[in-house]
Amino acid sequence: MHPRRFRFILALMLYSFPAMGMAYAAEESITADRIIKKADELARGETSYSEITMRVTTKHWDRQMSLKSWTKGTEKAFIVITAPARDAGTTFLKRGNQMWQYLPKIERKIKIPPSMMLQSWMNSDFTNDDLARADSMVTDYEHKIVGSEVIDDNEAWKIESIPHEDAPVYWGKLVSLVQKSDFVLRRTEYYDQDMELTKVLSLDDVKTIDGRHIATHYVMDNKSKPGNKTILDFDKINFDVKVDEDTFSEGNLTRGGR
């Protein structure tokens, strides 16, 4: 080989190897805790306003609902059902780990007790606890990167989350996929205390909204009840909007978010 040619190849190798090493080190320095927290922050914002279509499918019936939602951080959320007519005006308030519901048909406000937190929310495959403990994945689990997978041609971290010993959670384990390119959560598997797969949440139709990459189509597949699933479509979502503090008051339950 000509000496000049050899020196060129050697220089190229010396240039490339450190760059490869830096890229590898950058990925190695990313912790599972940071990935989960970043994915959560990306989907939440300081505040948000959403208009959502929810479809619940079972072997025996299907139903569709429309709702509006306001959130502030991880502690506060207010939801109002807008359709169908028989459910319109039903509201939910979350403050911390506490939840209230207002039923306009009987004009009654109910504080949801701990014994009902694992019950279905509006006959869906989400529970009251799923809404009340919105930041549970971040705060109640120890996370570990256990591999990577490709989902829709996107490389994703595979993260296993085991609850802390004193965490007030139902799940024995969570397994999630988070896209490496933009930290979008694409799937979470829910395992019960016997490590049986119970539910799978899939997230897709990723869009850029207010400068964020956001999954706008959610499917909760209930493995413990084959044929049951709940679909959430975010028809509209805005982040870091102005939300009055009164939105999250008990008085707003009976006003239907007006």
C-alpha atoms as a PDB file:
ATOM      1  CA  MET A   1       0.000   0.000   0.000  1.00  0.00           C
ATOM      2  CA  HIS A   2       1.269   3.443  -0.861  1.00  0.00           C
ATOM      3  CA  PRO A   3       2.488   5.289   2.312  1.00  0.00           C
ATOM      4  CA  ARG A   4       0.274   8.305   1.588  1.00  0.00           C
ATOM      5  CA  ARG A   5      -2.762   6.028   1.212  1.00  0.00           C
ATOM      6  CA  PHE A   6      -1.905   4.275   4.485  1.00  0.00           C
ATOM      7  CA  ARG A   7      -1.582   7.579   6.359  1.00  0.00           C
ATOM      8  CA  PHE A   8      -5.013   8.679   5.058  1.00  0.00           C
ATOM      9  CA  ILE A   9      -6.680   5.477   6.260  1.00  0.00           C
ATOM     10  CA  LEU A  10      -4.934   5.698   9.643  1.00  0.00           C
ATOM     11  CA  ALA A  11      -6.076   9.314  10.078  1.00  0.00           C
ATOM     12  CA  LEU A  12      -9.638   8.348   9.166  1.00  0.00           C
ATOM     13  CA  MET A  13      -9.584   5.550  11.744  1.00  0.00           C
ATOM     14  CA  LEU A  14      -8.224   7.819  14.463  1.00  0.00           C
ATOM     15  CA  TYR A  15     -10.907  10.408  13.638  1.00  0.00           C
ATOM     16  CA  SER A  16     -13.767   7.917  13.578  1.00  0.00           C
ATOM     17  CA  PHE A  17     -13.049   5.871  16.685  1.00  0.00           C
ATOM     18  CA  PRO A  18     -13.241   8.757  19.214  1.00  0.00           C
ATOM     19  CA  ALA A  19     -16.508   9.919  17.629  1.00  0.00           C
ATOM     20  CA  MET A  20     -17.947   6.432  17.910  1.00  0.00           C
ATOM     21  CA  GLY A  21     -16.723   6.260  21.477  1.00  0.00           C
ATOM     22  CA  MET A  22     -18.346   9.585  22.378  1.00  0.00           C
ATOM     23  CA  ALA A  23     -21.696   8.510  20.899  1.00  0.00           C
ATOM     24  CA  TYR A  24     -21.516   5.246  22.814  1.00  0.00           C
ATOM     25  CA  ALA A  25     -20.578   7.034  26.028  1.00  0.00           C
ATOM     26  CA  ALA A  26     -23.428   9.536  25.572  1.00  0.00           C
ATOM     27  CA  GLU A  27     -25.973   6.730  25.351  1.00  0.00           C
ATOM     28  CA  GLU A  28     -24.327   4.839  28.199  1.00  0.00           C
ATOM     29  CA  SER A  29     -24.594   7.912  30.455  1.00  0.00           C
ATOM     30  CA  ILE A  30     -28.384   8.106  30.028  1.00  0.00           C
ATOM     31  CA  THR A  31     -30.060   6.461  32.991  1.00  0.00           C
ATOM     32  CA  ALA A  32     -33.391   4.654  32.997  1.00  0.00           C
ATOM     33  CA  ASP A  33     -34.685   7.131  35.605  1.00  0.00           C
ATOM     34  CA  ARG A  34     -33.852  10.043  33.305  1.00  0.00           C
ATOM     35  CA  ILE A  35     -35.533   8.383  30.317  1.00  0.00           C
ATOM     36  CA  ILE A  36     -38.786   7.729  32.194  1.00  0.00           C
ATOM     37  CA  LYS A  37     -38.840  11.222  33.688  1.00  0.00           C
ATOM     38  CA  LYS A  38     -38.137  12.846  30.323  1.00  0.00           C
ATOM     39  CA  ALA A  39     -40.900  10.824  28.636  1.00  0.00           C
ATOM     40  CA  ASP A  40     -43.337  11.838  31.383  1.00  0.00           C
ATOM     41  CA  GLU A  41     -42.418  15.543  31.191  1.00  0.00           C
ATOM     42  CA  LEU A  42     -42.714  15.518  27.401  1.00  0.00           C
ATOM     43  CA  ALA A  43     -46.300  14.241  27.500  1.00  0.00           C
ATOM     44  CA  ARG A  44     -47.427  16.473  30.373  1.00  0.00           C
ATOM     45  CA  GLY A  45     -46.093  20.047  30.323  1.00  0.00           C
ATOM     46  CA  GLU A  46     -46.626  22.568  33.109  1.00  0.00           C
ATOM     47  CA  THR A  47     -50.291  22.751  32.127  1.00  0.00           C
ATOM     48  CA  SER A  48     -52.391  21.238  29.347  1.00  0.00           C
ATOM     49  CA  TYR A  49     -55.827  21.297  27.746  1.00  0.00           C
ATOM     50  CA  SER A  50     -57.131  18.325  25.747  1.00  0.00           C
ATOM     51  CA  GLU A  51     -60.196  17.257  23.820  1.00  0.00           C
ATOM     52  CA  ILE A  52     -60.378  13.468  23.672  1.00  0.00           C
ATOM     53  CA  THR A  53     -62.525  10.786  22.083  1.00  0.00           C
ATOM     54  CA  MET A  54     -62.688   7.568  24.099  1.00  0.00           C
ATOM     55  CA  ARG A  55     -63.964   4.301  22.630  1.00  0.00           C
ATOM     56  CA  VAL A  56     -64.499   1.226  24.786  1.00  0.00           C
ATOM     57  CA  THR A  57     -64.847  -2.150  23.077  1.00  0.00           C
ATOM     58  CA  THR A  58     -65.887  -5.461  24.639  1.00  0.00           C
ATOM     59  CA  LYS A  59     -67.205  -8.761  23.291  1.00  0.00           C
ATOM     60  CA  HIS A  60     -70.759  -7.631  23.990  1.00  0.00           C
ATOM     61  CA  TRP A  61     -70.911  -3.868  23.433  1.00  0.00           C
ATOM     62  CA  ASP A  62     -69.111  -0.759  22.171  1.00  0.00           C
ATOM     63  CA  ARG A  63     -69.489   2.796  23.375  1.00  0.00           C
ATOM     64  CA  GLN A  64     -67.938   6.155  22.565  1.00  0.00           C
ATOM     65  CA  MET A  65     -67.521   9.233  24.727  1.00  0.00           C
ATOM     66  CA  SER A  66     -66.115  12.729  24.271  1.00  0.00           C
ATOM     67  CA  LEU A  67     -64.363  14.570  27.065  1.00  0.00           C
ATOM     68  CA  LYS A  68     -62.327  17.631  27.885  1.00  0.00           C
ATOM     69  CA  SER A  69     -59.385  17.640  30.272  1.00  0.00           C
ATOM     70  CA  TRP A  70     -57.315  20.291  32.051  1.00  0.00           C
ATOM     71  CA  THR A  71     -54.115  19.448  33.951  1.00  0.00           C
ATOM     72  CA  LYS A  72     -51.544  21.281  36.056  1.00  0.00           C
ATOM     73  CA  GLY A  73     -48.314  19.426  36.728  1.00  0.00           C
ATOM     74  CA  THR A  74     -48.745  15.943  38.139  1.00  0.00           C
ATOM     75  CA  GLU A  75     -50.997  16.914  41.032  1.00  0.00           C
ATOM     76  CA  LYS A  76     -54.123  18.406  39.473  1.00  0.00           C
ATOM     77  CA  ALA A  77     -56.560  17.350  36.758  1.00  0.00           C
ATOM     78  CA  PHE A  78     -60.156  18.125  35.863  1.00  0.00           C
ATOM     79  CA  ILE A  79     -62.222  16.110  33.363  1.00  0.00           C
ATOM     80  CA  VAL A  80     -65.709  16.750  32.021  1.00  0.00           C
ATOM     81  CA  ILE A  81     -67.692  14.338  29.852  1.00  0.00           C
ATOM     82  CA  THR A  82     -69.339  16.203  26.948  1.00  0.00           C
ATOM     83  CA  ALA A  83     -71.017  13.321  25.047  1.00  0.00           C
ATOM     84  CA  PRO A  84     -73.117  11.206  24.798  1.00  0.00           C
ATOM     85  CA  ALA A  85     -76.049  13.120  26.266  1.00  0.00           C
ATOM     86  CA  ARG A  86     -76.712  10.593  29.039  1.00  0.00           C
ATOM     87  CA  ASP A  87     -73.218  11.139  30.468  1.00  0.00           C
ATOM     88  CA  ALA A  88     -72.723  14.822  29.596  1.00  0.00           C
ATOM     89  CA  GLY A  89     -71.850  16.945  32.609  1.00  0.00           C
ATOM     90  CA  THR A  90     -70.250  14.119  34.573  1.00  0.00           C
ATOM     91  CA  THR A  91     -67.041  15.530  36.018  1.00  0.00           C
ATOM     92  CA  PHE A  92     -63.924  14.279  37.767  1.00  0.00           C
ATOM     93  CA  LEU A  93     -61.433  16.160  39.902  1.00  0.00           C
ATOM     94  CA  LYS A  94     -57.982  14.935  40.900  1.00  0.00           C
ATOM     95  CA  ARG A  95     -55.837  16.682  43.495  1.00  0.00           C
ATOM     96  CA  GLY A  96     -52.796  14.704  44.524  1.00  0.00           C
ATOM     97  CA  ASN A  97     -53.942  11.121  45.082  1.00  0.00           C
ATOM     98  CA  GLN A  98     -57.517  12.128  45.860  1.00  0.00           C
ATOM     99  CA  MET A  99     -60.413  12.020  43.402  1.00  0.00           C
ATOM    100  CA  TRP A 100     -63.980  13.303  43.303  1.00  0.00           C
ATOM    101  CA  GLN A 101     -66.799  12.621  40.851  1.00  0.00           C
ATOM    102  CA  TYR A 102     -70.011  14.553  40.179  1.00  0.00           C
ATOM    103  CA  LEU A 103     -73.056  12.780  38.745  1.00  0.00           C
ATOM    104  CA  PRO A 104     -75.491  15.363  37.302  1.00  0.00           C
ATOM    105  CA  LYS A 105     -78.407  12.907  36.967  1.00  0.00           C
ATOM    106  CA  ILE A 106     -78.628  12.546  40.731  1.00  0.00           C
ATOM    107  CA  GLU A 107     -76.931  15.875  41.501  1.00  0.00           C
ATOM    108  CA  ARG A 108     -74.452  14.151  43.760  1.00  0.00           C
ATOM    109  CA  LYS A 109     -70.771  14.766  44.425  1.00  0.00           C
ATOM    110  CA  ILE A 110     -68.784  11.683  45.495  1.00  0.00           C
ATOM    111  CA  LYS A 111     -65.297  11.387  46.894  1.00  0.00           C
ATOM    112  CA  ILE A 112     -63.842   8.179  45.485  1.00  0.00           C
ATOM    113  CA  PRO A 113     -62.629   6.035  48.422  1.00  0.00           C
ATOM    114  CA  PRO A 114     -59.394   3.981  48.349  1.00  0.00           C
ATOM    115  CA  SER A 115     -61.463   0.794  48.026  1.00  0.00           C
ATOM    116  CA  MET A 116     -62.703   1.968  44.601  1.00  0.00           C
ATOM    117  CA  MET A 117     -59.394   3.156  43.161  1.00  0.00           C
ATOM    118  CA  LEU A 118     -58.780  -0.075  41.239  1.00  0.00           C
ATOM    119  CA  GLN A 119     -62.261  -0.084  39.750  1.00  0.00           C
ATOM    120  CA  SER A 120     -62.839   0.737  36.094  1.00  0.00           C
ATOM    121  CA  TRP A 121     -63.027   4.420  35.164  1.00  0.00           C
ATOM    122  CA  MET A 122     -66.238   5.031  33.160  1.00  0.00           C
ATOM    123  CA  ASN A 123     -66.385   1.316  32.239  1.00  0.00           C
ATOM    124  CA  SER A 124     -63.056   1.595  30.411  1.00  0.00           C
ATOM    125  CA  ASP A 125     -59.873  -0.453  30.739  1.00  0.00           C
ATOM    126  CA  PHE A 126     -58.308   2.374  32.740  1.00  0.00           C
ATOM    127  CA  THR A 127     -58.830   2.479  36.501  1.00  0.00           C
ATOM    128  CA  ASN A 128     -59.477   5.375  38.877  1.00  0.00           C
ATOM    129  CA  ASP A 129     -55.953   4.742  40.142  1.00  0.00           C
ATOM    130  CA  ASP A 130     -54.518   5.242  36.643  1.00  0.00           C
ATOM    131  CA  LEU A 131     -55.897   8.778  36.701  1.00  0.00           C
ATOM    132  CA  ALA A 132     -55.169   9.598  40.331  1.00  0.00           C
ATOM    133  CA  ARG A 133     -51.569   8.387  40.302  1.00  0.00           C
ATOM    134  CA  ALA A 134     -50.584   9.996  37.019  1.00  0.00           C
ATOM    135  CA  ASP A 135     -46.905  10.313  37.982  1.00  0.00           C
ATOM    136  CA  SER A 136     -46.682   6.898  39.654  1.00  0.00           C
ATOM    137  CA  MET A 137     -44.312   5.442  37.068  1.00  0.00           C
ATOM    138  CA  VAL A 138     -41.793   8.192  37.833  1.00  0.00           C
ATOM    139  CA  THR A 139     -42.027   8.207  41.630  1.00  0.00           C
ATOM    140  CA  ASP A 140     -42.987   4.686  42.717  1.00  0.00           C
ATOM    141  CA  TYR A 141     -40.658   2.470  40.692  1.00  0.00           C
ATOM    142  CA  GLU A 142     -36.987   1.634  40.298  1.00  0.00           C
ATOM    143  CA  HIS A 143     -36.079   1.617  36.609  1.00  0.00           C
ATOM    144  CA  LYS A 144     -33.496  -0.372  34.667  1.00  0.00           C
ATOM    145  CA  ILE A 145     -32.582  -0.481  30.973  1.00  0.00           C
ATOM    146  CA  VAL A 146     -32.840  -4.157  29.996  1.00  0.00           C
ATOM    147  CA  GLY A 147     -32.363  -3.907  26.228  1.00  0.00           C
ATOM    148  CA  SER A 148     -33.660  -2.220  23.131  1.00  0.00           C
ATOM    149  CA  GLU A 149     -36.274  -2.929  20.463  1.00  0.00           C
ATOM    150  CA  VAL A 150     -37.356  -1.438  17.156  1.00  0.00           C
ATOM    151  CA  ILE A 151     -40.928  -0.151  17.004  1.00  0.00           C
ATOM    152  CA  ASP A 152     -42.231   1.304  13.719  1.00  0.00           C
ATOM    153  CA  ASP A 153     -38.625   1.613  12.474  1.00  0.00           C
ATOM    154  CA  ASN A 154     -37.650   3.592  15.599  1.00  0.00           C
ATOM    155  CA  GLU A 155     -34.991   2.344  18.004  1.00  0.00           C
ATOM    156  CA  ALA A 156     -36.340   2.296  21.558  1.00  0.00           C
ATOM    157  CA  TRP A 157     -34.977   1.656  25.031  1.00  0.00           C
ATOM    158  CA  LYS A 158     -36.621  -1.270  26.812  1.00  0.00           C
ATOM    159  CA  ILE A 159     -37.029  -0.363  30.475  1.00  0.00           C
ATOM    160  CA  GLU A 160     -38.118  -2.597  33.348  1.00  0.00           C
ATOM    161  CA  SER A 161     -39.742  -0.865  36.325  1.00  0.00           C
ATOM    162  CA  ILE A 162     -40.052  -2.615  39.693  1.00  0.00           C
ATOM    163  CA  PRO A 163     -42.028  -0.884  42.495  1.00  0.00           C
ATOM    164  CA  HIS A 164     -40.267   0.289  45.625  1.00  0.00           C
ATOM    165  CA  GLU A 165     -41.053  -1.863  48.658  1.00  0.00           C
ATOM    166  CA  ASP A 166     -43.218   0.812  50.281  1.00  0.00           C
ATOM    167  CA  ALA A 167     -44.879   2.032  47.065  1.00  0.00           C
ATOM    168  CA  PRO A 168     -48.715   2.034  47.216  1.00  0.00           C
ATOM    169  CA  VAL A 169     -49.116   0.442  43.781  1.00  0.00           C
ATOM    170  CA  TYR A 170     -50.937  -2.581  42.416  1.00  0.00           C
ATOM    171  CA  TRP A 171     -48.526  -3.622  39.664  1.00  0.00           C
ATOM    172  CA  GLY A 172     -45.687  -6.067  40.239  1.00  0.00           C
ATOM    173  CA  LYS A 173     -43.727  -4.863  37.211  1.00  0.00           C
ATOM    174  CA  LEU A 174     -43.925  -2.517  34.225  1.00  0.00           C
ATOM    175  CA  VAL A 175     -42.006  -2.920  30.966  1.00  0.00           C
ATOM    176  CA  SER A 176     -41.851   0.117  28.681  1.00  0.00           C
ATOM    177  CA  LEU A 177     -40.471   1.124  25.283  1.00  0.00           C
ATOM    178  CA  VAL A 178     -39.261   4.728  24.891  1.00  0.00           C
ATOM    179  CA  GLN A 179     -38.003   6.022  21.552  1.00  0.00           C
ATOM    180  CA  LYS A 180     -34.318   6.945  21.645  1.00  0.00           C
ATOM    181  CA  SER A 181     -34.693   9.768  19.121  1.00  0.00           C
ATOM    182  CA  ASP A 182     -37.226  11.870  21.030  1.00  0.00           C
ATOM    183  CA  PHE A 183     -38.128  10.155  24.351  1.00  0.00           C
ATOM    184  CA  VAL A 184     -41.695   9.379  23.246  1.00  0.00           C
ATOM    185  CA  LEU A 185     -43.249   6.535  25.260  1.00  0.00           C
ATOM    186  CA  ARG A 186     -44.559   3.945  22.778  1.00  0.00           C
ATOM    187  CA  ARG A 187     -45.641   0.994  24.915  1.00  0.00           C
ATOM    188  CA  THR A 188     -46.087  -0.085  28.532  1.00  0.00           C
ATOM    189  CA  GLU A 189     -46.807  -3.641  29.669  1.00  0.00           C
ATOM    190  CA  TYR A 190     -48.499  -4.074  33.061  1.00  0.00           C
ATOM    191  CA  TYR A 191     -47.765  -7.196  35.122  1.00  0.00           C
ATOM    192  CA  ASP A 192     -49.681  -8.127  38.273  1.00  0.00           C
ATOM    193  CA  GLN A 193     -48.144  -9.344  41.548  1.00  0.00           C
ATOM    194  CA  ASP A 194     -47.880 -12.875  40.090  1.00  0.00           C
ATOM    195  CA  MET A 195     -45.982 -11.431  37.100  1.00  0.00           C
ATOM    196  CA  GLU A 196     -48.825 -12.252  34.730  1.00  0.00           C
ATOM    197  CA  LEU A 197     -49.236  -9.805  31.837  1.00  0.00           C
ATOM    198  CA  THR A 198     -52.542  -8.019  32.503  1.00  0.00           C
ATOM    199  CA  LYS A 199     -52.684  -4.958  30.247  1.00  0.00           C
ATOM    200  CA  VAL A 200     -50.689  -3.456  27.366  1.00  0.00           C
ATOM    201  CA  LEU A 201     -50.823   0.259  26.547  1.00  0.00           C
ATOM    202  CA  SER A 202     -49.720   1.096  22.993  1.00  0.00           C
ATOM    203  CA  LEU A 203     -49.126   4.682  21.868  1.00  0.00           C
ATOM    204  CA  ASP A 204     -48.724   5.842  18.275  1.00  0.00           C
ATOM    205  CA  ASP A 205     -49.711   8.522  15.720  1.00  0.00           C
ATOM    206  CA  VAL A 206     -46.853  10.720  16.948  1.00  0.00           C
ATOM    207  CA  LYS A 207     -47.303  14.405  16.070  1.00  0.00           C
ATOM    208  CA  THR A 208     -45.370  17.605  16.769  1.00  0.00           C
ATOM    209  CA  ILE A 209     -47.513  19.822  19.002  1.00  0.00           C
ATOM    210  CA  ASP A 210     -46.239  23.031  20.610  1.00  0.00           C
ATOM    211  CA  GLY A 211     -42.694  21.913  19.805  1.00  0.00           C
ATOM    212  CA  ARG A 212     -43.140  18.479  21.421  1.00  0.00           C
ATOM    213  CA  HIS A 213     -43.335  15.045  19.848  1.00  0.00           C
ATOM    214  CA  ILE A 214     -46.554  13.582  21.260  1.00  0.00           C
ATOM    215  CA  ALA A 215     -48.339  10.264  20.762  1.00  0.00           C
ATOM    216  CA  THR A 216     -51.993  11.091  20.099  1.00  0.00           C
ATOM    217  CA  HIS A 217     -53.513   7.594  19.768  1.00  0.00           C
ATOM    218  CA  TYR A 218     -53.615   5.315  22.840  1.00  0.00           C
ATOM    219  CA  VAL A 219     -54.856   1.727  22.952  1.00  0.00           C
ATOM    220  CA  MET A 220     -55.197  -0.100  26.283  1.00  0.00           C
ATOM    221  CA  ASP A 221     -55.495  -3.828  25.540  1.00  0.00           C
ATOM    222  CA  ASN A 222     -56.934  -5.739  28.495  1.00  0.00           C
ATOM    223  CA  LYS A 223     -55.172  -9.128  28.469  1.00  0.00           C
ATOM    224  CA  SER A 224     -57.134 -10.328  31.510  1.00  0.00           C
ATOM    225  CA  LYS A 225     -60.382  -9.796  29.557  1.00  0.00           C
ATOM    226  CA  PRO A 226     -59.711 -10.869  25.953  1.00  0.00           C
ATOM    227  CA  GLY A 227     -61.611  -8.720  23.479  1.00  0.00           C
ATOM    228  CA  ASN A 228     -61.710  -5.706  25.803  1.00  0.00           C
ATOM    229  CA  LYS A 229     -59.817  -2.563  24.873  1.00  0.00           C
ATOM    230  CA  THR A 230     -60.045   1.188  25.297  1.00  0.00           C
ATOM    231  CA  ILE A 231     -58.922   3.662  22.637  1.00  0.00           C
ATOM    232  CA  LEU A 232     -58.103   7.315  23.353  1.00  0.00           C
ATOM    233  CA  ASP A 233     -57.706   9.767  20.479  1.00  0.00           C
ATOM    234  CA  PHE A 234     -56.395  13.210  21.379  1.00  0.00           C
ATOM    235  CA  ASP A 235     -58.333  15.340  18.895  1.00  0.00           C
ATOM    236  CA  LYS A 236     -56.833  18.517  20.339  1.00  0.00           C
ATOM    237  CA  ILE A 237     -54.067  19.118  22.843  1.00  0.00           C
ATOM    238  CA  ASN A 238     -52.226  22.276  23.882  1.00  0.00           C
ATOM    239  CA  PHE A 239     -49.447  22.669  26.440  1.00  0.00           C
ATOM    240  CA  ASP A 240     -48.464  25.429  28.852  1.00  0.00           C
ATOM    241  CA  VAL A 241     -51.842  27.131  28.510  1.00  0.00           C
ATOM    242  CA  LYS A 242     -53.376  29.424  31.111  1.00  0.00           C
ATOM    243  CA  VAL A 243     -55.548  27.401  33.511  1.00  0.00           C
ATOM    244  CA  ASP A 244     -57.338  29.153  36.385  1.00  0.00           C
ATOM    245  CA  GLU A 245     -56.698  27.620  39.802  1.00  0.00           C
ATOM    246  CA  ASP A 246     -60.473  27.523  40.329  1.00  0.00           C
ATOM    247  CA  THR A 247     -60.625  24.839  37.624  1.00  0.00           C
ATOM    248  CA  PHE A 248     -59.351  22.380  40.235  1.00  0.00           C
ATOM    249  CA  SER A 249     -61.808  23.338  42.968  1.00  0.00           C
ATOM    250  CA  GLU A 250     -64.597  21.109  44.252  1.00  0.00           C
ATOM    251  CA  GLY A 251     -67.051  23.843  43.303  1.00  0.00           C
ATOM    252  CA  ASN A 252     -66.142  23.397  39.657  1.00  0.00           C
ATOM    253  CA  LEU A 253     -67.411  19.822  39.762  1.00  0.00           C
ATOM    254  CA  THR A 254     -71.006  20.998  39.670  1.00  0.00           C
ATOM    255  CA  ARG A 255     -70.328  23.729  37.087  1.00  0.00           C
ATOM    256  CA  GLY A 256     -69.161  21.217  34.490  1.00  0.00           C
ATOM    257  CA  GLY A 257     -65.938  23.080  33.753  1.00  0.00           C
ATOM    258  CA  ARG A 258     -67.710  26.290  32.744  1.00  0.00           C
END
